[in-house]
Protein backbone atom coordinates (compact mmCIF):
# COMPACT_ATOMS: atom_id res chain seq x y z
CA UNK A 1 -10.79 -32.77 -21.44
CA UNK A 2 -12.20 -29.58 -19.95
CA UNK A 3 -15.86 -28.75 -19.51
CA UNK A 4 -17.16 -25.88 -21.62
CA UNK A 5 -17.98 -22.77 -19.68
CA UNK A 6 -21.59 -22.41 -18.66
CA UNK A 7 -23.46 -19.70 -20.52
CA UNK A 8 -23.99 -16.55 -18.51
CA UNK A 9 -27.32 -16.34 -16.78
CA UNK A 10 -29.47 -13.30 -17.10
CA UNK A 11 -31.12 -11.86 -14.02
CA UNK A 12 -34.86 -12.34 -13.81
CA UNK A 13 -36.78 -9.34 -15.08
CA UNK A 14 -38.27 -7.20 -12.33
CA UNK A 15 -41.95 -7.84 -11.70
CA UNK A 16 -44.29 -5.58 -13.60
CA UNK A 17 -45.62 -2.91 -11.28
CA UNK A 18 -49.02 -1.53 -12.16
CA UNK A 19 -49.28 2.16 -11.23
CA UNK A 20 -51.16 2.79 -8.00
CA UNK A 21 -53.59 5.26 -9.57
CA UNK A 22 -54.57 2.65 -12.14
CA UNK A 23 -55.21 -0.01 -9.51
CA UNK A 24 -57.14 2.34 -7.21
CA UNK A 25 -59.30 3.55 -10.09
CA UNK A 26 -60.15 -0.05 -10.97
CA UNK A 27 -60.79 -1.04 -7.36
CA UNK A 28 -63.01 2.01 -6.83
CA UNK A 29 -65.87 0.33 -8.69
CA UNK A 30 -67.68 -2.50 -6.85
CA UNK A 31 -68.35 -4.44 -10.05
CA UNK A 32 -64.68 -4.37 -11.01
CA UNK A 33 -63.67 -5.47 -7.51
CA UNK A 34 -66.09 -8.38 -7.76
CA UNK A 35 -64.73 -9.37 -11.18
CA UNK A 36 -61.17 -9.36 -9.82
CA UNK A 37 -62.28 -11.45 -6.84
CA UNK A 38 -63.84 -14.03 -9.14
CA UNK A 39 -60.76 -14.15 -11.36
CA UNK A 40 -58.41 -14.38 -8.34
CA UNK A 41 -59.34 -18.05 -7.96
CA UNK A 42 -57.26 -18.78 -11.06
CA UNK A 43 -59.92 -20.16 -13.37
CA UNK A 44 -60.50 -18.37 -16.70
CA UNK A 45 -64.07 -17.28 -17.42
CA UNK A 46 -66.00 -16.01 -20.42
CA UNK A 47 -67.65 -12.60 -20.23
CA UNK A 48 -71.06 -14.29 -20.25
CA UNK A 49 -70.19 -16.36 -17.18
CA UNK A 50 -68.77 -13.33 -15.41
CA UNK A 51 -71.87 -11.28 -16.22
CA UNK A 52 -74.01 -13.90 -14.50
CA UNK A 53 -71.74 -13.91 -11.45
CA UNK A 54 -71.87 -10.13 -11.00
CA UNK A 55 -75.59 -9.84 -11.89
CA UNK A 56 -74.97 -7.37 -14.72
CA UNK A 57 -75.91 -7.35 -18.37
CA UNK A 58 -73.26 -8.62 -20.76
CA UNK A 59 -72.58 -5.19 -22.29
CA UNK A 60 -72.07 -3.62 -18.85
CA UNK A 61 -69.76 -6.46 -17.81
CA UNK A 62 -67.75 -6.12 -21.04
CA UNK A 63 -67.30 -2.40 -20.33
CA UNK A 64 -65.75 -3.25 -16.96
CA UNK A 65 -63.61 -6.04 -18.42
CA UNK A 66 -62.27 -3.69 -21.09
CA UNK A 67 -61.34 -1.18 -18.38
CA UNK A 68 -59.60 -3.89 -16.32
CA UNK A 69 -57.77 -5.15 -19.39
CA UNK A 70 -56.66 -1.63 -20.30
CA UNK A 71 -55.35 -1.19 -16.76
CA UNK A 72 -53.28 -4.37 -17.12
CA UNK A 73 -55.18 -6.21 -14.38
CA UNK A 74 -56.86 -8.75 -16.67
CA UNK A 75 -55.56 -10.65 -19.68
CA UNK A 76 -57.46 -12.53 -22.35
CA UNK A 77 -56.90 -15.69 -24.32
CA UNK A 78 -58.85 -17.32 -27.11
CA UNK A 79 -61.30 -19.93 -25.88
CA UNK A 80 -60.12 -23.28 -27.33
CA UNK A 81 -63.65 -24.69 -27.19
CA UNK A 82 -65.31 -21.70 -28.86
CA UNK A 83 -63.05 -19.51 -30.99
CA UNK A 84 -65.58 -16.68 -31.02
CA UNK A 85 -65.27 -15.99 -27.30
CA UNK A 86 -62.43 -14.83 -25.10
CA UNK A 87 -61.41 -16.21 -21.74
CA UNK A 88 -60.58 -13.65 -19.06
CA UNK A 89 -58.13 -14.26 -16.24
CA UNK A 90 -56.21 -12.21 -13.73
CA UNK A 91 -52.94 -10.83 -15.09
CA UNK A 92 -49.92 -12.96 -14.17
CA UNK A 93 -48.20 -9.85 -12.77
CA UNK A 94 -50.61 -9.93 -9.82
CA UNK A 95 -49.55 -12.48 -7.21
CA UNK A 96 -52.46 -14.31 -5.60
CA UNK A 97 -52.07 -16.44 -2.50
CA UNK A 98 -54.56 -18.66 -0.74
CA UNK A 99 -54.86 -17.99 2.98
CA UNK A 100 -56.83 -19.60 5.77
CA UNK A 101 -59.55 -16.96 5.33
CA UNK A 102 -59.67 -16.74 1.52
CA UNK A 103 -57.50 -15.26 -1.23
CA UNK A 104 -55.15 -12.26 -1.28
CA UNK A 105 -54.10 -10.23 -4.31
CA UNK A 106 -50.85 -8.35 -3.71
CA UNK A 107 -50.31 -5.25 -5.84
CA UNK A 108 -47.11 -4.32 -3.98
CA UNK A 109 -48.60 -1.26 -2.29
CA UNK A 110 -52.12 -2.57 -1.79
CA UNK A 111 -53.33 -5.94 -0.54
CA UNK A 112 -56.85 -7.02 -1.49
CA UNK A 113 -58.47 -9.85 0.42
CA UNK A 114 -61.35 -11.80 -1.05
């Protein structure tokens, strides 16, 4: 009895590349850089928690989170503990590695250390 042929494998999709102008525009604001640094640790956060960490009002923090989300740098998910709030986390397209000195976000053409 012969073995059936293995199904063909598809190549992995290429990683999503976020345009450089989009990343540089987001990184140009210190509050947005700080938000990305907080989210680089891998833990999701609510906007309220992030606002406290960046010492900004909630509405100002939400403005920055909306800009980061529109740029594709941040993704949201529904909070399972409180369905009225969203959890923010760094987009999976951005590789983050832990180094001896901290964390690094690699955008392909730009490396951000935090």
